[in-house]
Amino acid sequence: MPNPFPRLPKSDRGHRVDGRPVALLIGSGEMPAQCAEMLTQQEFDIAGIHSPDAPLRAWAEAHDVQYSADFHQFRDWSETIAHDYLFSILNFKILPASMLEAPILCAINYHDAPLPKYAGSHACAWALHNRETTHGISWHVMTSDVDAGDIVRQVTFPISDGETLERLNQKCYLAAMRAFRAMLPDLKAETFACIPQDLSQRTFYARAQYPAR
């Protein structure tokens, strides 16, 4: 398959047009497409997108943004183009170190839990199973350890009596969108603060683990 992306050299901030930060985006479902819209509204340049499904591909086509459905092709290209941020939003692949190290500033991931608690998979289901009274979402720097990087933005909220998994997922979605919009000005100005996780408080659930129904 021919590579649809041009190969561009890295050169400090010479890759920016009118000072706009350059971002790459990887993810699935509607959330990353909405985040892509927010990025363009905040005058980020989205240089390329990878997604295995339709919503983000449709957004890329509508906005004339380079897109690849092939992860390996996107990975190879992402390591050759200068970019400030890589956003991973509902992405279920573990990204290689070469991708995490490629952004000039950082790679940022969305996780549907108040890290360091509930790292890994099925966070909302486990929170309900464990009868938590609060939950939350985190936007965090990606590292080689899954869901262990510094927190860029975090929101917590109460879990209501009789909370359903569907409703808790929806609360996470809305909190994530508000938090993403709120953190973009700081990312653009490079004034964002990263807070290390207290990994002594970390809990982790593998994808193969799921609470008994």
N, C-alpha and C. Protein backbone atom coordinates (compact mmCIF):
# COMPACT_ATOMS: atom_id res chain seq x y z
N MET A 1 0.84 -1.19 0.00
CA MET A 1 0.00 0.00 0.00
C MET A 1 0.89 1.25 0.00
N PRO A 2 0.68 2.18 -0.93
CA PRO A 2 1.51 3.39 -0.94
C PRO A 2 1.22 4.25 0.28
N ASN A 3 2.26 4.93 0.77
CA ASN A 3 2.11 5.79 1.94
C ASN A 3 1.48 7.12 1.51
N PRO A 4 0.33 7.52 2.10
CA PRO A 4 -0.33 8.76 1.67
C PRO A 4 0.29 10.00 2.27
N PHE A 5 1.22 9.83 3.22
CA PHE A 5 1.78 10.97 3.94
C PHE A 5 3.09 11.42 3.33
N PRO A 6 3.31 12.71 3.18
CA PRO A 6 4.63 13.21 2.76
C PRO A 6 5.62 13.06 3.90
N ARG A 7 6.88 12.84 3.59
CA ARG A 7 7.92 12.76 4.61
C ARG A 7 8.54 14.13 4.79
N LEU A 8 8.42 14.66 6.00
CA LEU A 8 8.90 16.00 6.28
C LEU A 8 9.98 15.95 7.35
N PRO A 9 11.03 16.74 7.22
CA PRO A 9 12.11 16.72 8.21
C PRO A 9 11.72 17.44 9.49
N LYS A 10 12.33 17.03 10.59
CA LYS A 10 12.15 17.74 11.85
C LYS A 10 13.09 18.93 11.90
N SER A 11 12.62 20.04 12.45
CA SER A 11 13.48 21.22 12.57
C SER A 11 12.90 22.19 13.59
N ASP A 12 13.23 22.04 14.85
CA ASP A 12 12.75 22.91 15.91
C ASP A 12 11.28 23.28 15.71
N ARG A 13 10.98 24.61 15.60
CA ARG A 13 9.60 25.03 15.39
C ARG A 13 9.36 25.43 13.94
N GLY A 14 10.27 25.10 13.08
CA GLY A 14 10.10 25.43 11.67
C GLY A 14 8.96 24.67 11.03
N HIS A 15 8.46 23.64 11.71
CA HIS A 15 7.35 22.86 11.16
C HIS A 15 6.01 23.55 11.37
N ARG A 16 5.97 24.59 12.21
CA ARG A 16 4.71 25.25 12.51
C ARG A 16 4.36 26.30 11.46
N VAL A 17 3.08 26.46 11.19
CA VAL A 17 2.58 27.52 10.32
C VAL A 17 1.89 28.55 11.20
N ASP A 18 2.34 29.79 11.13
CA ASP A 18 1.78 30.87 11.96
C ASP A 18 1.82 30.53 13.44
N GLY A 19 2.82 29.76 13.85
CA GLY A 19 2.99 29.44 15.26
C GLY A 19 2.03 28.42 15.82
N ARG A 20 1.20 27.79 14.96
CA ARG A 20 0.20 26.85 15.45
C ARG A 20 0.83 25.50 15.80
N PRO A 21 0.52 24.95 16.98
CA PRO A 21 1.04 23.63 17.33
C PRO A 21 0.55 22.57 16.34
N VAL A 22 1.40 21.60 16.09
CA VAL A 22 1.06 20.51 15.17
C VAL A 22 0.75 19.26 15.99
N ALA A 23 -0.36 18.61 15.66
CA ALA A 23 -0.80 17.43 16.42
C ALA A 23 -1.09 16.27 15.48
N LEU A 24 -0.88 15.08 16.01
CA LEU A 24 -1.36 13.84 15.39
C LEU A 24 -2.42 13.26 16.30
N LEU A 25 -3.34 12.49 15.73
CA LEU A 25 -4.49 12.00 16.49
C LEU A 25 -4.75 10.55 16.13
N ILE A 26 -4.96 9.73 17.18
CA ILE A 26 -5.27 8.32 16.97
C ILE A 26 -6.38 7.93 17.93
N GLY A 27 -7.38 7.19 17.44
CA GLY A 27 -8.46 6.81 18.34
C GLY A 27 -9.63 6.19 17.58
N SER A 28 -10.71 5.92 18.32
CA SER A 28 -11.88 5.29 17.71
C SER A 28 -13.15 5.88 18.31
N GLY A 29 -14.23 5.76 17.58
CA GLY A 29 -15.51 6.27 18.04
C GLY A 29 -15.68 7.76 17.82
N GLU A 30 -16.71 8.31 18.44
CA GLU A 30 -17.06 9.72 18.24
C GLU A 30 -16.17 10.68 19.02
N MET A 31 -15.66 10.25 20.18
CA MET A 31 -14.91 11.18 21.02
C MET A 31 -13.71 11.81 20.32
N PRO A 32 -12.82 11.04 19.67
CA PRO A 32 -11.68 11.70 19.01
C PRO A 32 -12.09 12.63 17.89
N ALA A 33 -13.20 12.35 17.22
CA ALA A 33 -13.67 13.26 16.18
C ALA A 33 -14.09 14.59 16.79
N GLN A 34 -14.75 14.55 17.95
CA GLN A 34 -15.12 15.80 18.63
C GLN A 34 -13.88 16.53 19.14
N CYS A 35 -12.90 15.77 19.61
CA CYS A 35 -11.65 16.40 20.05
C CYS A 35 -10.91 17.04 18.87
N ALA A 36 -10.95 16.40 17.72
CA ALA A 36 -10.33 16.98 16.53
C ALA A 36 -10.96 18.32 16.20
N GLU A 37 -12.28 18.41 16.34
CA GLU A 37 -12.97 19.67 16.08
C GLU A 37 -12.51 20.75 17.07
N MET A 38 -12.38 20.38 18.33
CA MET A 38 -11.91 21.34 19.33
C MET A 38 -10.48 21.79 19.03
N LEU A 39 -9.65 20.88 18.60
CA LEU A 39 -8.26 21.23 18.27
C LEU A 39 -8.21 22.27 17.16
N THR A 40 -9.00 22.07 16.13
CA THR A 40 -8.99 23.04 15.02
C THR A 40 -9.56 24.38 15.48
N GLN A 41 -10.57 24.36 16.35
CA GLN A 41 -11.12 25.61 16.87
C GLN A 41 -10.09 26.39 17.68
N GLN A 42 -9.18 25.67 18.33
CA GLN A 42 -8.13 26.31 19.12
C GLN A 42 -6.87 26.55 18.28
N GLU A 43 -6.98 26.39 16.97
CA GLU A 43 -5.91 26.69 16.02
C GLU A 43 -4.69 25.79 16.19
N PHE A 44 -4.96 24.51 16.44
CA PHE A 44 -3.95 23.48 16.30
C PHE A 44 -4.00 22.99 14.84
N ASP A 45 -2.87 22.62 14.30
CA ASP A 45 -2.83 21.97 12.99
C ASP A 45 -2.81 20.46 13.20
N ILE A 46 -3.80 19.76 12.69
CA ILE A 46 -3.81 18.30 12.76
C ILE A 46 -3.16 17.79 11.48
N ALA A 47 -1.98 17.20 11.63
CA ALA A 47 -1.21 16.80 10.45
C ALA A 47 -1.58 15.41 9.95
N GLY A 48 -2.11 14.57 10.82
CA GLY A 48 -2.45 13.22 10.40
C GLY A 48 -3.28 12.50 11.43
N ILE A 49 -4.06 11.53 10.96
CA ILE A 49 -5.03 10.82 11.80
C ILE A 49 -4.98 9.33 11.48
N HIS A 50 -5.10 8.51 12.53
CA HIS A 50 -5.31 7.07 12.35
C HIS A 50 -6.51 6.65 13.17
N SER A 51 -7.37 5.84 12.57
CA SER A 51 -8.50 5.27 13.29
C SER A 51 -8.94 4.00 12.58
N PRO A 52 -9.39 3.00 13.34
CA PRO A 52 -9.87 1.78 12.71
C PRO A 52 -11.33 1.84 12.29
N ASP A 53 -12.05 2.94 12.63
CA ASP A 53 -13.47 2.98 12.30
C ASP A 53 -13.86 4.30 11.65
N ALA A 54 -15.16 4.49 11.43
CA ALA A 54 -15.64 5.52 10.53
C ALA A 54 -15.62 6.96 11.04
N PRO A 55 -15.99 7.26 12.29
CA PRO A 55 -16.18 8.67 12.66
C PRO A 55 -14.96 9.56 12.43
N LEU A 56 -13.79 9.12 12.84
CA LEU A 56 -12.60 9.95 12.69
C LEU A 56 -12.15 10.01 11.23
N ARG A 57 -12.35 8.90 10.51
CA ARG A 57 -12.04 8.92 9.08
C ARG A 57 -12.92 9.92 8.35
N ALA A 58 -14.21 9.94 8.70
CA ALA A 58 -15.13 10.89 8.06
C ALA A 58 -14.72 12.32 8.38
N TRP A 59 -14.30 12.56 9.64
CA TRP A 59 -13.87 13.91 10.00
C TRP A 59 -12.64 14.31 9.19
N ALA A 60 -11.69 13.41 9.06
CA ALA A 60 -10.47 13.70 8.31
C ALA A 60 -10.79 14.03 6.85
N GLU A 61 -11.68 13.25 6.25
CA GLU A 61 -12.04 13.48 4.86
C GLU A 61 -12.75 14.83 4.69
N ALA A 62 -13.62 15.17 5.64
CA ALA A 62 -14.37 16.43 5.56
C ALA A 62 -13.47 17.63 5.73
N HIS A 63 -12.34 17.46 6.43
CA HIS A 63 -11.44 18.59 6.71
C HIS A 63 -10.13 18.49 5.95
N ASP A 64 -10.08 17.57 5.00
CA ASP A 64 -8.90 17.42 4.14
C ASP A 64 -7.63 17.20 4.96
N VAL A 65 -7.73 16.31 5.94
CA VAL A 65 -6.59 15.97 6.80
C VAL A 65 -6.10 14.57 6.41
N GLN A 66 -4.79 14.40 6.36
CA GLN A 66 -4.22 13.11 6.02
C GLN A 66 -4.69 12.04 6.98
N TYR A 67 -5.07 10.86 6.41
CA TYR A 67 -5.64 9.79 7.20
C TYR A 67 -5.10 8.45 6.73
N SER A 68 -4.87 7.56 7.68
CA SER A 68 -4.51 6.18 7.32
C SER A 68 -5.24 5.22 8.24
N ALA A 69 -5.84 4.18 7.64
CA ALA A 69 -6.47 3.12 8.43
C ALA A 69 -5.46 2.08 8.86
N ASP A 70 -4.28 2.12 8.27
CA ASP A 70 -3.24 1.14 8.55
C ASP A 70 -2.34 1.64 9.69
N PHE A 71 -2.39 0.98 10.83
CA PHE A 71 -1.64 1.45 11.99
C PHE A 71 -0.14 1.46 11.73
N HIS A 72 0.40 0.43 11.10
CA HIS A 72 1.85 0.35 10.89
C HIS A 72 2.31 1.46 9.95
N GLN A 73 1.51 1.76 8.96
CA GLN A 73 1.83 2.85 8.05
C GLN A 73 1.84 4.19 8.81
N PHE A 74 0.81 4.38 9.64
CA PHE A 74 0.74 5.60 10.42
C PHE A 74 1.90 5.71 11.40
N ARG A 75 2.23 4.60 12.05
CA ARG A 75 3.35 4.59 13.00
C ARG A 75 4.64 5.00 12.31
N ASP A 76 4.93 4.40 11.17
CA ASP A 76 6.18 4.71 10.47
C ASP A 76 6.23 6.18 10.09
N TRP A 77 5.09 6.70 9.62
CA TRP A 77 5.06 8.10 9.20
C TRP A 77 5.17 9.04 10.38
N SER A 78 4.53 8.70 11.51
CA SER A 78 4.52 9.58 12.68
C SER A 78 5.93 9.82 13.22
N GLU A 79 6.83 8.89 12.94
CA GLU A 79 8.19 9.01 13.44
C GLU A 79 9.07 9.85 12.52
N THR A 80 8.51 10.31 11.41
CA THR A 80 9.31 11.10 10.46
C THR A 80 8.89 12.55 10.38
N ILE A 81 7.69 12.88 10.87
CA ILE A 81 7.20 14.25 10.73
C ILE A 81 7.31 14.98 12.07
N ALA A 82 7.72 16.22 12.04
CA ALA A 82 7.80 17.02 13.27
C ALA A 82 6.39 17.34 13.75
N HIS A 83 6.09 17.01 15.00
CA HIS A 83 4.80 17.35 15.59
C HIS A 83 4.99 17.60 17.08
N ASP A 84 4.13 18.44 17.62
CA ASP A 84 4.24 18.84 19.02
C ASP A 84 3.55 17.87 19.95
N TYR A 85 2.39 17.38 19.53
CA TYR A 85 1.59 16.51 20.39
C TYR A 85 1.07 15.31 19.60
N LEU A 86 0.96 14.20 20.30
CA LEU A 86 0.21 13.04 19.81
C LEU A 86 -0.91 12.80 20.81
N PHE A 87 -2.16 12.77 20.33
CA PHE A 87 -3.31 12.52 21.18
C PHE A 87 -3.84 11.11 20.91
N SER A 88 -3.97 10.34 21.97
CA SER A 88 -4.51 8.98 21.90
C SER A 88 -5.83 8.98 22.66
N ILE A 89 -6.93 8.81 21.93
CA ILE A 89 -8.27 8.98 22.52
C ILE A 89 -9.13 7.77 22.17
N LEU A 90 -9.40 6.95 23.17
CA LEU A 90 -10.09 5.68 22.96
C LEU A 90 -9.32 4.85 21.93
N ASN A 91 -8.04 4.77 22.15
CA ASN A 91 -7.14 3.94 21.34
C ASN A 91 -6.79 2.71 22.17
N PHE A 92 -7.00 1.53 21.62
CA PHE A 92 -6.82 0.30 22.39
C PHE A 92 -5.54 -0.44 22.04
N LYS A 93 -4.65 0.24 21.29
CA LYS A 93 -3.34 -0.33 21.00
C LYS A 93 -2.32 0.23 21.99
N ILE A 94 -1.39 -0.60 22.39
CA ILE A 94 -0.25 -0.12 23.16
C ILE A 94 0.76 0.43 22.16
N LEU A 95 1.04 1.72 22.25
CA LEU A 95 1.89 2.38 21.27
C LEU A 95 3.36 2.11 21.58
N PRO A 96 4.18 1.93 20.55
CA PRO A 96 5.60 1.67 20.77
C PRO A 96 6.31 2.92 21.29
N ALA A 97 7.45 2.70 21.96
CA ALA A 97 8.21 3.81 22.53
C ALA A 97 8.58 4.83 21.48
N SER A 98 8.84 4.39 20.25
CA SER A 98 9.23 5.32 19.18
C SER A 98 8.14 6.33 18.90
N MET A 99 6.86 5.94 19.01
CA MET A 99 5.76 6.88 18.81
C MET A 99 5.62 7.82 19.99
N LEU A 100 5.82 7.30 21.19
CA LEU A 100 5.68 8.13 22.39
C LEU A 100 6.79 9.17 22.49
N GLU A 101 7.94 8.85 21.94
CA GLU A 101 9.08 9.77 22.00
C GLU A 101 9.14 10.73 20.83
N ALA A 102 8.32 10.51 19.80
CA ALA A 102 8.39 11.33 18.59
C ALA A 102 7.88 12.76 18.78
N PRO A 103 6.81 13.01 19.57
CA PRO A 103 6.35 14.40 19.71
C PRO A 103 7.41 15.29 20.36
N ILE A 104 7.48 16.54 19.91
CA ILE A 104 8.43 17.49 20.49
C ILE A 104 8.05 17.79 21.94
N LEU A 105 6.75 17.85 22.24
CA LEU A 105 6.30 18.15 23.60
C LEU A 105 5.89 16.87 24.34
N CYS A 106 4.78 16.24 23.96
CA CYS A 106 4.42 15.00 24.64
C CYS A 106 3.28 14.29 23.91
N ALA A 107 3.10 13.02 24.27
CA ALA A 107 1.95 12.23 23.84
C ALA A 107 0.98 12.17 25.00
N ILE A 108 -0.30 12.42 24.72
CA ILE A 108 -1.31 12.51 25.78
C ILE A 108 -2.43 11.51 25.49
N ASN A 109 -2.82 10.79 26.53
CA ASN A 109 -3.85 9.76 26.41
C ASN A 109 -5.05 10.09 27.31
N TYR A 110 -6.23 9.67 26.86
CA TYR A 110 -7.44 9.77 27.69
C TYR A 110 -7.66 8.44 28.39
N HIS A 111 -7.98 8.51 29.69
CA HIS A 111 -8.33 7.30 30.44
C HIS A 111 -9.56 7.57 31.28
N ASP A 112 -10.49 6.63 31.29
CA ASP A 112 -11.78 6.84 31.96
C ASP A 112 -11.75 6.42 33.42
N ALA A 113 -10.77 6.96 34.16
CA ALA A 113 -10.66 6.68 35.59
C ALA A 113 -9.79 7.75 36.25
N PRO A 114 -9.92 7.91 37.56
CA PRO A 114 -9.09 8.87 38.29
C PRO A 114 -7.74 8.25 38.64
N LEU A 115 -6.85 8.19 37.68
CA LEU A 115 -5.54 7.58 37.90
C LEU A 115 -4.87 8.20 39.13
N PRO A 116 -4.12 7.39 39.88
CA PRO A 116 -3.60 6.05 39.56
C PRO A 116 -4.58 4.90 39.80
N LYS A 117 -5.77 5.17 40.31
CA LYS A 117 -6.73 4.10 40.50
C LYS A 117 -7.34 3.68 39.16
N TYR A 118 -7.57 2.40 39.01
CA TYR A 118 -8.25 1.83 37.85
C TYR A 118 -7.51 2.05 36.54
N ALA A 119 -6.20 1.89 36.58
CA ALA A 119 -5.44 1.83 35.33
C ALA A 119 -5.83 0.53 34.61
N GLY A 120 -5.56 0.51 33.30
CA GLY A 120 -5.89 -0.69 32.53
C GLY A 120 -7.25 -0.59 31.88
N SER A 121 -8.03 -1.66 31.95
CA SER A 121 -9.28 -1.78 31.19
C SER A 121 -10.52 -1.87 32.10
N HIS A 122 -11.68 -1.57 31.50
CA HIS A 122 -12.99 -1.74 32.14
C HIS A 122 -13.10 -0.95 33.44
N ALA A 123 -12.56 0.26 33.44
CA ALA A 123 -12.47 1.05 34.68
C ALA A 123 -13.84 1.31 35.29
N CYS A 124 -14.80 1.71 34.47
CA CYS A 124 -16.13 2.04 35.01
C CYS A 124 -16.81 0.80 35.60
N ALA A 125 -16.69 -0.31 34.90
CA ALA A 125 -17.31 -1.55 35.40
C ALA A 125 -16.71 -1.96 36.74
N TRP A 126 -15.40 -1.83 36.88
CA TRP A 126 -14.75 -2.19 38.13
C TRP A 126 -15.10 -1.21 39.25
N ALA A 127 -15.21 0.07 38.91
CA ALA A 127 -15.58 1.06 39.93
C ALA A 127 -16.96 0.74 40.50
N LEU A 128 -17.91 0.37 39.65
CA LEU A 128 -19.24 0.01 40.13
C LEU A 128 -19.20 -1.30 40.92
N HIS A 129 -18.44 -2.25 40.42
CA HIS A 129 -18.32 -3.53 41.11
C HIS A 129 -17.75 -3.35 42.52
N ASN A 130 -16.80 -2.44 42.65
CA ASN A 130 -16.15 -2.21 43.94
C ASN A 130 -16.89 -1.20 44.81
N ARG A 131 -18.07 -0.78 44.35
CA ARG A 131 -18.94 0.12 45.12
C ARG A 131 -18.25 1.44 45.48
N GLU A 132 -17.54 1.97 44.51
CA GLU A 132 -16.92 3.29 44.71
C GLU A 132 -18.01 4.35 44.82
N THR A 133 -17.73 5.39 45.58
CA THR A 133 -18.66 6.51 45.69
C THR A 133 -18.26 7.68 44.80
N THR A 134 -17.03 7.65 44.29
CA THR A 134 -16.57 8.66 43.33
C THR A 134 -15.82 7.97 42.21
N HIS A 135 -15.77 8.65 41.08
CA HIS A 135 -15.00 8.16 39.93
C HIS A 135 -14.44 9.39 39.23
N GLY A 136 -13.94 9.24 38.02
CA GLY A 136 -13.39 10.39 37.30
C GLY A 136 -12.72 10.00 36.02
N ILE A 137 -12.06 10.99 35.42
CA ILE A 137 -11.33 10.78 34.15
C ILE A 137 -9.96 11.45 34.27
N SER A 138 -9.05 11.01 33.43
CA SER A 138 -7.70 11.58 33.42
C SER A 138 -7.20 11.74 32.00
N TRP A 139 -6.57 12.87 31.74
CA TRP A 139 -5.74 13.06 30.55
C TRP A 139 -4.29 13.03 31.06
N HIS A 140 -3.50 12.11 30.53
CA HIS A 140 -2.17 11.92 31.09
C HIS A 140 -1.11 11.73 30.00
N VAL A 141 0.12 12.03 30.38
CA VAL A 141 1.25 11.83 29.47
C VAL A 141 1.47 10.33 29.30
N MET A 142 1.71 9.90 28.09
CA MET A 142 1.93 8.49 27.82
C MET A 142 3.40 8.12 28.04
N THR A 143 3.60 6.99 28.69
CA THR A 143 4.93 6.44 28.92
C THR A 143 4.90 4.97 28.51
N SER A 144 6.04 4.30 28.65
CA SER A 144 6.11 2.89 28.29
C SER A 144 5.28 2.03 29.24
N ASP A 145 4.98 2.53 30.45
CA ASP A 145 4.09 1.82 31.38
C ASP A 145 2.66 2.30 31.15
N VAL A 146 1.75 1.38 30.96
CA VAL A 146 0.37 1.72 30.61
C VAL A 146 -0.29 2.54 31.72
N ASP A 147 -0.84 3.69 31.34
CA ASP A 147 -1.62 4.55 32.24
C ASP A 147 -0.84 4.99 33.48
N ALA A 148 0.47 5.15 33.35
CA ALA A 148 1.30 5.49 34.51
C ALA A 148 1.93 6.88 34.42
N GLY A 149 1.71 7.59 33.32
CA GLY A 149 2.37 8.88 33.13
C GLY A 149 1.75 10.01 33.93
N ASP A 150 2.45 11.14 33.95
CA ASP A 150 2.00 12.31 34.71
C ASP A 150 0.61 12.77 34.26
N ILE A 151 -0.15 13.28 35.20
CA ILE A 151 -1.50 13.77 34.92
C ILE A 151 -1.42 15.21 34.38
N VAL A 152 -2.09 15.43 33.24
CA VAL A 152 -2.20 16.77 32.68
C VAL A 152 -3.51 17.42 33.11
N ARG A 153 -4.56 16.63 33.16
CA ARG A 153 -5.88 17.14 33.60
C ARG A 153 -6.67 15.99 34.18
N GLN A 154 -7.31 16.23 35.31
CA GLN A 154 -8.12 15.18 35.93
C GLN A 154 -9.38 15.80 36.51
N VAL A 155 -10.49 15.07 36.39
CA VAL A 155 -11.77 15.49 36.94
C VAL A 155 -12.35 14.32 37.71
N THR A 156 -12.88 14.58 38.91
CA THR A 156 -13.58 13.55 39.67
C THR A 156 -15.01 14.00 39.92
N PHE A 157 -15.88 13.03 40.14
CA PHE A 157 -17.29 13.33 40.36
C PHE A 157 -17.92 12.18 41.17
N PRO A 158 -19.06 12.44 41.84
CA PRO A 158 -19.69 11.39 42.63
C PRO A 158 -20.38 10.34 41.76
N ILE A 159 -20.45 9.15 42.28
CA ILE A 159 -21.25 8.08 41.67
C ILE A 159 -22.59 8.04 42.40
N SER A 160 -23.64 8.19 41.67
CA SER A 160 -24.98 8.24 42.28
C SER A 160 -25.44 6.85 42.73
N ASP A 161 -26.34 6.83 43.69
CA ASP A 161 -26.97 5.56 44.08
C ASP A 161 -27.69 4.97 42.86
N GLY A 162 -27.51 3.69 42.66
CA GLY A 162 -28.17 3.03 41.54
C GLY A 162 -27.55 3.36 40.19
N GLU A 163 -26.34 3.88 40.19
CA GLU A 163 -25.66 4.24 38.93
C GLU A 163 -25.54 3.03 38.01
N THR A 164 -25.84 3.21 36.74
CA THR A 164 -25.66 2.15 35.76
C THR A 164 -24.34 2.35 35.03
N LEU A 165 -23.85 1.28 34.42
CA LEU A 165 -22.61 1.38 33.66
C LEU A 165 -22.77 2.36 32.50
N GLU A 166 -23.90 2.32 31.84
CA GLU A 166 -24.14 3.24 30.72
C GLU A 166 -24.09 4.70 31.19
N ARG A 167 -24.71 4.97 32.32
CA ARG A 167 -24.73 6.35 32.81
C ARG A 167 -23.34 6.80 33.27
N LEU A 168 -22.61 5.90 33.91
CA LEU A 168 -21.26 6.26 34.36
C LEU A 168 -20.34 6.51 33.16
N ASN A 169 -20.49 5.69 32.12
CA ASN A 169 -19.71 5.94 30.90
C ASN A 169 -20.04 7.31 30.31
N GLN A 170 -21.31 7.67 30.34
CA GLN A 170 -21.72 8.96 29.81
C GLN A 170 -21.16 10.10 30.64
N LYS A 171 -21.14 9.95 31.96
CA LYS A 171 -20.54 10.98 32.82
C LYS A 171 -19.06 11.16 32.48
N CYS A 172 -18.36 10.05 32.26
CA CYS A 172 -16.94 10.12 31.90
C CYS A 172 -16.77 10.85 30.57
N TYR A 173 -17.62 10.53 29.62
CA TYR A 173 -17.54 11.15 28.30
C TYR A 173 -17.69 12.68 28.41
N LEU A 174 -18.70 13.12 29.12
CA LEU A 174 -18.95 14.56 29.25
C LEU A 174 -17.81 15.25 30.01
N ALA A 175 -17.35 14.61 31.08
CA ALA A 175 -16.24 15.19 31.85
C ALA A 175 -14.97 15.26 31.00
N ALA A 176 -14.75 14.24 30.19
CA ALA A 176 -13.56 14.22 29.33
C ALA A 176 -13.59 15.35 28.31
N MET A 177 -14.75 15.59 27.71
CA MET A 177 -14.85 16.64 26.70
C MET A 177 -14.62 18.02 27.32
N ARG A 178 -15.21 18.24 28.50
CA ARG A 178 -15.01 19.54 29.16
C ARG A 178 -13.55 19.72 29.55
N ALA A 179 -12.93 18.68 30.06
CA ALA A 179 -11.54 18.77 30.48
C ALA A 179 -10.61 18.98 29.28
N PHE A 180 -10.91 18.33 28.18
CA PHE A 180 -10.08 18.48 26.98
C PHE A 180 -10.13 19.92 26.48
N ARG A 181 -11.35 20.46 26.39
CA ARG A 181 -11.50 21.84 25.94
C ARG A 181 -10.76 22.80 26.88
N ALA A 182 -10.85 22.53 28.18
CA ALA A 182 -10.23 23.43 29.15
C ALA A 182 -8.71 23.38 29.11
N MET A 183 -8.13 22.24 28.76
CA MET A 183 -6.67 22.15 28.80
C MET A 183 -6.00 22.61 27.50
N LEU A 184 -6.76 22.76 26.42
CA LEU A 184 -6.15 23.12 25.14
C LEU A 184 -5.43 24.47 25.16
N PRO A 185 -5.97 25.53 25.78
CA PRO A 185 -5.21 26.79 25.81
C PRO A 185 -3.84 26.64 26.47
N ASP A 186 -3.76 25.85 27.54
CA ASP A 186 -2.48 25.65 28.21
C ASP A 186 -1.53 24.81 27.35
N LEU A 187 -2.08 23.83 26.63
CA LEU A 187 -1.22 23.06 25.73
C LEU A 187 -0.69 23.95 24.61
N LYS A 188 -1.56 24.79 24.09
CA LYS A 188 -1.14 25.68 23.00
C LYS A 188 -0.06 26.64 23.47
N ALA A 189 -0.20 27.18 24.67
CA ALA A 189 0.76 28.14 25.20
C ALA A 189 1.96 27.46 25.87
N GLU A 190 1.89 26.14 25.98
CA GLU A 190 2.94 25.34 26.64
C GLU A 190 3.10 25.75 28.10
N THR A 191 1.99 26.06 28.73
CA THR A 191 1.99 26.44 30.15
C THR A 191 1.33 25.37 31.01
N PHE A 192 1.07 24.21 30.44
CA PHE A 192 0.41 23.14 31.19
C PHE A 192 1.36 22.56 32.24
N ALA A 193 0.77 22.11 33.35
CA ALA A 193 1.55 21.49 34.43
C ALA A 193 1.25 20.00 34.47
N CYS A 194 2.28 19.21 34.70
CA CYS A 194 2.13 17.77 34.80
C CYS A 194 2.33 17.34 36.25
N ILE A 195 1.41 16.56 36.77
CA ILE A 195 1.48 16.11 38.16
C ILE A 195 1.78 14.61 38.17
N PRO A 196 2.91 14.21 38.77
CA PRO A 196 3.23 12.77 38.82
C PRO A 196 2.17 11.98 39.56
N GLN A 197 1.90 10.79 39.09
CA GLN A 197 0.99 9.91 39.81
C GLN A 197 1.68 9.31 41.04
N ASP A 198 0.91 9.11 42.09
CA ASP A 198 1.39 8.37 43.25
C ASP A 198 1.15 6.89 42.97
N LEU A 199 2.14 6.24 42.39
CA LEU A 199 1.95 4.87 41.92
C LEU A 199 1.82 3.86 43.06
N SER A 200 2.07 4.31 44.30
CA SER A 200 1.81 3.42 45.43
C SER A 200 0.31 3.19 45.60
N GLN A 201 -0.51 4.07 45.00
CA GLN A 201 -1.97 3.96 45.07
C GLN A 201 -2.57 3.31 43.81
N ARG A 202 -1.72 2.83 42.94
CA ARG A 202 -2.16 2.32 41.64
C ARG A 202 -2.91 1.00 41.77
N THR A 203 -4.03 0.91 41.06
CA THR A 203 -4.70 -0.37 40.85
C THR A 203 -4.79 -0.58 39.35
N PHE A 204 -4.72 -1.82 38.92
CA PHE A 204 -4.65 -2.13 37.48
C PHE A 204 -5.49 -3.36 37.19
N TYR A 205 -6.28 -3.28 36.13
CA TYR A 205 -7.07 -4.42 35.66
C TYR A 205 -6.75 -4.68 34.19
N ALA A 206 -6.38 -5.90 33.89
CA ALA A 206 -6.05 -6.28 32.52
C ALA A 206 -7.31 -6.38 31.68
N ARG A 207 -7.14 -6.32 30.37
CA ARG A 207 -8.30 -6.37 29.47
C ARG A 207 -9.07 -7.67 29.63
N ALA A 208 -8.38 -8.76 29.93
CA ALA A 208 -9.03 -10.06 30.08
C ALA A 208 -9.83 -10.16 31.37
N GLN A 209 -9.59 -9.25 32.31
CA GLN A 209 -10.34 -9.24 33.56
C GLN A 209 -11.62 -8.43 33.41
N TYR A 210 -12.72 -9.00 33.91
CA TYR A 210 -13.97 -8.25 33.90
C TYR A 210 -14.76 -8.70 35.12
N PRO A 211 -15.39 -7.75 35.85
CA PRO A 211 -16.09 -8.14 37.07
C PRO A 211 -17.27 -9.06 36.78
N ALA A 212 -17.53 -9.95 37.75
CA ALA A 212 -18.66 -10.86 37.60
C ALA A 212 -19.94 -10.07 37.55
N ARG A 213 -20.83 -10.45 36.67
CA ARG A 213 -22.10 -9.74 36.51
C ARG A 213 -23.11 -10.21 37.58
